[in-house]
Amino acid sequence: TLAHTGADGTLAAAFAGAASLAGGAALYRRFRAGATR
């Protein structure tokens, strides 16, 4: 087996970061489209 290095926590943090990045991009595009009108 592999040594315990805390990679499971890193994976969760990476997933949370990707989700927040996608959510931020969606909100930015939504409000950016409304600001041009």
PDB file of N, CA and C in Angstrom:
ATOM      1  N   THR A   1       0.832  -1.201   0.000  1.00  0.00           N
ATOM      2  CA  THR A   1       0.000   0.000   0.000  1.00  0.00           C
ATOM      3  C   THR A   1       0.871   1.257   0.000  1.00  0.00           C
ATOM      4  N   LEU A   2       0.279   2.364  -0.408  1.00  0.00           N
ATOM      5  CA  LEU A   2       1.012   3.621  -0.441  1.00  0.00           C
ATOM      6  C   LEU A   2       1.072   4.244   0.949  1.00  0.00           C
ATOM      7  N   ALA A   3       2.083   5.052   1.168  1.00  0.00           N
ATOM      8  CA  ALA A   3       2.202   5.758   2.434  1.00  0.00           C
ATOM      9  C   ALA A   3       1.116   6.828   2.528  1.00  0.00           C
ATOM     10  N   HIS A   4       0.677   7.074   3.755  1.00  0.00           N
ATOM     11  CA  HIS A   4      -0.350   8.100   3.957  1.00  0.00           C
ATOM     12  C   HIS A   4       0.306   9.478   3.889  1.00  0.00           C
ATOM     13  N   THR A   5      -0.058  10.266   2.889  1.00  0.00           N
ATOM     14  CA  THR A   5       0.556  11.582   2.702  1.00  0.00           C
ATOM     15  C   THR A   5      -0.472  12.705   2.776  1.00  0.00           C
ATOM     16  N   GLY A   6      -1.728  12.385   3.051  1.00  0.00           N
ATOM     17  CA  GLY A   6      -2.757  13.407   3.109  1.00  0.00           C
ATOM     18  C   GLY A   6      -3.274  13.787   1.732  1.00  0.00           C
ATOM     19  N   ALA A   7      -3.043  12.938   0.740  1.00  0.00           N
ATOM     20  CA  ALA A   7      -3.467  13.236  -0.625  1.00  0.00           C
ATOM     21  C   ALA A   7      -4.995  13.241  -0.749  1.00  0.00           C
ATOM     22  N   ASP A   8      -5.679  12.494   0.130  1.00  0.00           N
ATOM     23  CA  ASP A   8      -7.140  12.482   0.073  1.00  0.00           C
ATOM     24  C   ASP A   8      -7.703  13.873   0.379  1.00  0.00           C
ATOM     25  N   GLY A   9      -7.118  14.564   1.321  1.00  0.00           N
ATOM     26  CA  GLY A   9      -7.551  15.925   1.617  1.00  0.00           C
ATOM     27  C   GLY A   9      -7.235  16.871   0.473  1.00  0.00           C
ATOM     28  N   THR A  10      -6.107  16.637  -0.188  1.00  0.00           N
ATOM     29  CA  THR A  10      -5.726  17.467  -1.332  1.00  0.00           C
ATOM     30  C   THR A  10      -6.716  17.277  -2.474  1.00  0.00           C
ATOM     31  N   LEU A  11      -7.151  16.042  -2.680  1.00  0.00           N
ATOM     32  CA  LEU A  11      -8.122  15.759  -3.737  1.00  0.00           C
ATOM     33  C   LEU A  11      -9.440  16.475  -3.461  1.00  0.00           C
ATOM     34  N   ALA A  12      -9.879  16.441  -2.215  1.00  0.00           N
ATOM     35  CA  ALA A  12     -11.120  17.128  -1.849  1.00  0.00           C
ATOM     36  C   ALA A  12     -10.982  18.638  -2.045  1.00  0.00           C
ATOM     37  N   ALA A  13      -9.825  19.185  -1.679  1.00  0.00           N
ATOM     38  CA  ALA A  13      -9.592  20.622  -1.842  1.00  0.00           C
ATOM     39  C   ALA A  13      -9.562  20.996  -3.319  1.00  0.00           C
ATOM     40  N   ALA A  14      -8.963  20.144  -4.147  1.00  0.00           N
ATOM     41  CA  ALA A  14      -8.901  20.410  -5.583  1.00  0.00           C
ATOM     42  C   ALA A  14     -10.305  20.388  -6.190  1.00  0.00           C
ATOM     43  N   PHE A  15     -11.132  19.434  -5.743  1.00  0.00           N
ATOM     44  CA  PHE A  15     -12.504  19.344  -6.234  1.00  0.00           C
ATOM     45  C   PHE A  15     -13.312  20.578  -5.825  1.00  0.00           C
ATOM     46  N   ALA A  16     -13.148  21.006  -4.579  1.00  0.00           N
ATOM     47  CA  ALA A  16     -13.854  22.196  -4.098  1.00  0.00           C
ATOM     48  C   ALA A  16     -13.402  23.434  -4.862  1.00  0.00           C
ATOM     49  N   GLY A  17     -12.116  23.520  -5.140  1.00  0.00           N
ATOM     50  CA  GLY A  17     -11.590  24.654  -5.893  1.00  0.00           C
ATOM     51  C   GLY A  17     -12.134  24.686  -7.306  1.00  0.00           C
ATOM     52  N   ALA A  18     -12.193  23.519  -7.938  1.00  0.00           N
ATOM     53  CA  ALA A  18     -12.714  23.451  -9.301  1.00  0.00           C
ATOM     54  C   ALA A  18     -14.200  23.823  -9.331  1.00  0.00           C
ATOM     55  N   ALA A  19     -14.947  23.369  -8.329  1.00  0.00           N
ATOM     56  CA  ALA A  19     -16.375  23.676  -8.267  1.00  0.00           C
ATOM     57  C   ALA A  19     -16.609  25.173  -8.057  1.00  0.00           C
ATOM     58  N   SER A  20     -15.818  25.779  -7.169  1.00  0.00           N
ATOM     59  CA  SER A  20     -15.982  27.219  -6.922  1.00  0.00           C
ATOM     60  C   SER A  20     -15.555  28.038  -8.131  1.00  0.00           C
ATOM     61  N   LEU A  21     -14.533  27.555  -8.841  1.00  0.00           N
ATOM     62  CA  LEU A  21     -14.084  28.253 -10.043  1.00  0.00           C
ATOM     63  C   LEU A  21     -15.157  28.204 -11.124  1.00  0.00           C
ATOM     64  N   ALA A  22     -15.774  27.027 -11.305  1.00  0.00           N
ATOM     65  CA  ALA A  22     -16.836  26.885 -12.302  1.00  0.00           C
ATOM     66  C   ALA A  22     -18.052  27.740 -11.919  1.00  0.00           C
ATOM     67  N   GLY A  23     -18.390  27.742 -10.631  1.00  0.00           N
ATOM     68  CA  GLY A  23     -19.516  28.549 -10.168  1.00  0.00           C
ATOM     69  C   GLY A  23     -19.256  30.035 -10.351  1.00  0.00           C
ATOM     70  N   GLY A  24     -18.049  30.465 -10.056  1.00  0.00           N
ATOM     71  CA  GLY A  24     -17.691  31.867 -10.226  1.00  0.00           C
ATOM     72  C   GLY A  24     -17.741  32.278 -11.687  1.00  0.00           C
ATOM     73  N   ALA A  25     -17.276  31.403 -12.563  1.00  0.00           N
ATOM     74  CA  ALA A  25     -17.300  31.703 -13.998  1.00  0.00           C
ATOM     75  C   ALA A  25     -18.740  31.819 -14.493  1.00  0.00           C
ATOM     76  N   ALA A  26     -19.617  30.941 -13.998  1.00  0.00           N
ATOM     77  CA  ALA A  26     -21.022  30.977 -14.408  1.00  0.00           C
ATOM     78  C   ALA A  26     -21.691  32.276 -13.940  1.00  0.00           C
ATOM     79  N   LEU A  27     -21.431  32.657 -12.684  1.00  0.00           N
ATOM     80  CA  LEU A  27     -22.007  33.901 -12.173  1.00  0.00           C
ATOM     81  C   LEU A  27     -21.448  35.106 -12.910  1.00  0.00           C
ATOM     82  N   TYR A  28     -20.157  35.090 -13.216  1.00  0.00           N
ATOM     83  CA  TYR A  28     -19.531  36.200 -13.940  1.00  0.00           C
ATOM     84  C   TYR A  28     -20.160  36.361 -15.319  1.00  0.00           C
ATOM     85  N   ARG A  29     -20.330  35.249 -16.026  1.00  0.00           N
ATOM     86  CA  ARG A  29     -20.912  35.312 -17.365  1.00  0.00           C
ATOM     87  C   ARG A  29     -22.361  35.774 -17.304  1.00  0.00           C
ATOM     88  N   ARG A  30     -23.104  35.319 -16.279  1.00  0.00           N
ATOM     89  CA  ARG A  30     -24.514  35.701 -16.158  1.00  0.00           C
ATOM     90  C   ARG A  30     -24.646  37.207 -15.941  1.00  0.00           C
ATOM     91  N   PHE A  31     -23.908  37.747 -14.980  1.00  0.00           N
ATOM     92  CA  PHE A  31     -24.038  39.166 -14.660  1.00  0.00           C
ATOM     93  C   PHE A  31     -23.319  40.047 -15.664  1.00  0.00           C
ATOM     94  N   ARG A  32     -22.287  39.526 -16.313  1.00  0.00           N
ATOM     95  CA  ARG A  32     -21.573  40.294 -17.330  1.00  0.00           C
ATOM     96  C   ARG A  32     -22.470  40.505 -18.550  1.00  0.00           C
ATOM     97  N   ALA A  33     -23.262  39.494 -18.899  1.00  0.00           N
ATOM     98  CA  ALA A  33     -24.167  39.601 -20.042  1.00  0.00           C
ATOM     99  C   ALA A  33     -25.244  40.653 -19.767  1.00  0.00           C
ATOM    100  N   GLY A  34     -25.722  40.728 -18.514  1.00  0.00           N
ATOM    101  CA  GLY A  34     -26.750  41.700 -18.177  1.00  0.00           C
ATOM    102  C   GLY A  34     -26.212  43.114 -18.091  1.00  0.00           C
ATOM    103  N   ALA A  35     -24.915  43.265 -17.841  1.00  0.00           N
ATOM    104  CA  ALA A  35     -24.334  44.596 -17.674  1.00  0.00           C
ATOM    105  C   ALA A  35     -24.138  45.306 -19.009  1.00  0.00           C
ATOM    106  N   THR A  36     -24.108  44.558 -20.098  1.00  0.00           N
ATOM    107  CA  THR A  36     -23.852  45.176 -21.402  1.00  0.00           C
ATOM    108  C   THR A  36     -25.101  45.837 -21.968  1.00  0.00           C
ATOM    109  N   ARG A  37     -26.281  45.456 -21.459  1.00  0.00           N
ATOM    110  CA  ARG A  37     -27.521  46.020 -21.983  1.00  0.00           C
ATOM    111  C   ARG A  37     -27.806  47.388 -21.399  1.00  0.00           C
TER     112      ARG A  37
END
